[in-house]
Amino acid sequence: MLVASPYVPSGEISHTVYEFGSILRFIEDTWNLGRLGTTDETSTSMANMFNFNQSPRSFQKISSKYSKAFFLRQKPSHLPLDTE
């Protein structure tokens, strides 16, 4: 899982195994919601990826070989996203 947030500590790498239910579990735990009783019950919350006590880190633009317009003009290839 790739987590991009201004509240992720700089250089943080977690070796925790997450699954789809981890996102749901994080939301339930963060806002004190009940469990749906699906994968959220057995998943690990991804809360350890965030530090909400730190000031949010500022956005840093990453340069790209192509402009935004290049990607907006691309026609769909209709190829599968992942062939593995």
Protein backbone atom coordinates (compact mmCIF):
# COMPACT_ATOMS: atom_id res chain seq x y z
CA MET A 1 0.00 0.00 0.00
CA LEU A 2 1.30 3.44 -0.87
CA VAL A 3 0.19 6.17 1.51
CA ALA A 4 0.68 9.79 0.44
CA SER A 5 -0.29 12.28 3.13
CA PRO A 6 1.11 15.41 4.75
CA TYR A 7 0.78 13.51 8.05
CA VAL A 8 3.05 10.61 7.12
CA PRO A 9 6.43 11.17 8.78
CA SER A 10 9.16 11.94 6.25
CA GLY A 11 10.89 8.80 5.01
CA GLU A 12 8.44 6.50 6.81
CA ILE A 13 8.42 2.93 5.54
CA SER A 14 6.11 0.42 7.16
CA HIS A 15 6.57 -3.29 6.66
CA THR A 16 3.10 -4.04 8.01
CA VAL A 17 0.90 -6.16 5.75
CA TYR A 18 -2.29 -4.28 4.93
CA GLU A 19 -5.34 -5.31 2.95
CA PHE A 20 -8.47 -3.61 1.63
CA GLY A 21 -10.14 -3.87 5.04
CA SER A 22 -7.26 -1.89 6.59
CA ILE A 23 -8.60 1.31 5.05
CA LEU A 24 -12.07 0.62 6.43
CA ARG A 25 -10.63 -0.30 9.84
CA PHE A 26 -8.66 2.97 9.93
CA ILE A 27 -11.81 5.00 9.20
CA GLU A 28 -13.84 3.09 11.80
CA ASP A 29 -11.16 3.49 14.47
CA THR A 30 -10.43 7.15 13.71
CA TRP A 31 -14.05 8.26 13.94
CA ASN A 32 -15.21 5.72 16.57
CA LEU A 33 -17.56 3.93 14.20
CA GLY A 34 -18.78 0.39 14.66
CA ARG A 35 -17.49 -2.56 12.66
CA LEU A 36 -19.26 -3.70 9.52
CA GLY A 37 -18.24 -7.25 10.33
CA THR A 38 -16.43 -7.92 7.07
CA THR A 39 -12.68 -7.76 6.43
CA ASP A 40 -12.42 -4.80 8.80
CA GLU A 41 -12.62 -7.10 11.83
CA THR A 42 -9.52 -9.08 10.90
CA SER A 43 -7.49 -6.34 9.16
CA THR A 44 -4.73 -4.24 10.66
CA SER A 45 -5.55 -0.54 10.78
CA MET A 46 -3.19 1.67 8.82
CA ALA A 47 -3.21 4.25 11.65
CA ASN A 48 0.48 3.59 12.35
CA MET A 49 1.27 5.28 9.03
CA PHE A 50 0.07 8.68 10.27
CA ASN A 51 1.22 11.17 12.90
CA PHE A 52 -1.62 13.64 13.39
CA ASN A 53 0.34 15.38 16.18
CA GLN A 54 2.92 16.71 13.71
CA SER A 55 2.37 19.79 11.60
CA PRO A 56 1.40 18.74 8.08
CA ARG A 57 4.38 18.61 5.76
CA SER A 58 4.25 21.03 2.83
CA PHE A 59 3.51 19.83 -0.67
CA GLN A 60 6.54 19.25 -2.85
CA LYS A 61 6.02 19.07 -6.58
CA ILE A 62 7.76 16.20 -8.36
CA SER A 63 8.84 16.96 -11.90
CA SER A 64 7.74 14.74 -14.75
CA LYS A 65 9.05 14.03 -18.23
CA TYR A 66 5.56 14.74 -19.63
CA SER A 67 3.17 17.64 -19.03
CA LYS A 68 -0.32 17.31 -17.58
CA ALA A 69 -1.72 18.02 -21.07
CA PHE A 70 0.09 14.95 -22.44
CA PHE A 71 -1.81 12.66 -20.09
CA LEU A 72 -5.14 14.40 -20.58
CA ARG A 73 -4.97 13.87 -24.36
CA GLN A 74 -4.10 10.16 -24.21
CA LYS A 75 -6.77 7.89 -25.66
CA PRO A 76 -7.62 4.77 -23.65
CA SER A 77 -5.55 1.77 -24.70
CA HIS A 78 -8.15 -0.72 -23.41
CA LEU A 79 -5.29 -2.95 -22.30
CA PRO A 80 -5.48 -4.62 -18.88
CA LEU A 81 -3.90 -2.53 -16.14
CA ASP A 82 -1.99 -5.49 -14.77
CA THR A 83 -1.14 -8.60 -16.73
CA GLU A 84 0.38 -10.61 -13.86
